[in-house]
Amino acid sequence: QVQLVESGGALVQPGESLRLSCAASGFTLEYYSIGWFRQAPGKGREVVSCIRSGDGITYYADSVKGRFTISRDNAENMAYLQMNSLKPEDTAIYYCAALRSIVVVCPGTRKDESDYWGRGTQVTVSS
């Protein structure tokens, strides 16, 4: 079955850390640029971080720079988002998406702008 599956979301307190995982099956993630997106209640979907296939160039939204780190393990067909110093405003459903490209760093925020999307994992930051 061809799919992306996110995991690792949880309820945490401000200042804590989480690592989200994105597992690909049915296709080789190595050839895809990967994006992490989030959508908070009542808000639009926004890009959080991306990593390009091949050279691994990364992108981070200003709101997460210095706190989040994106990575990939092509051998394991996985991608990760390490989130440190979490804030209440990071609360959202987090999705990963994959777009087969050696040029594009970030897939678009619309689902039709990627080849694959996961179903999301909930991250809640609250005291």
Foldseek 3Di string as FASTA:
>chain_A
DFAKAKDWADEEAAQAKIKIKIATPPDQQLQWKKWKWWDAPPGAIDTAKIFAHDPGDMDGDPVQPPFWDKDADRVRRMIMIIGGRDDQVVWTWMKMFIARDRPDGDFDRDPVSGPHIYPTDTHGYHD
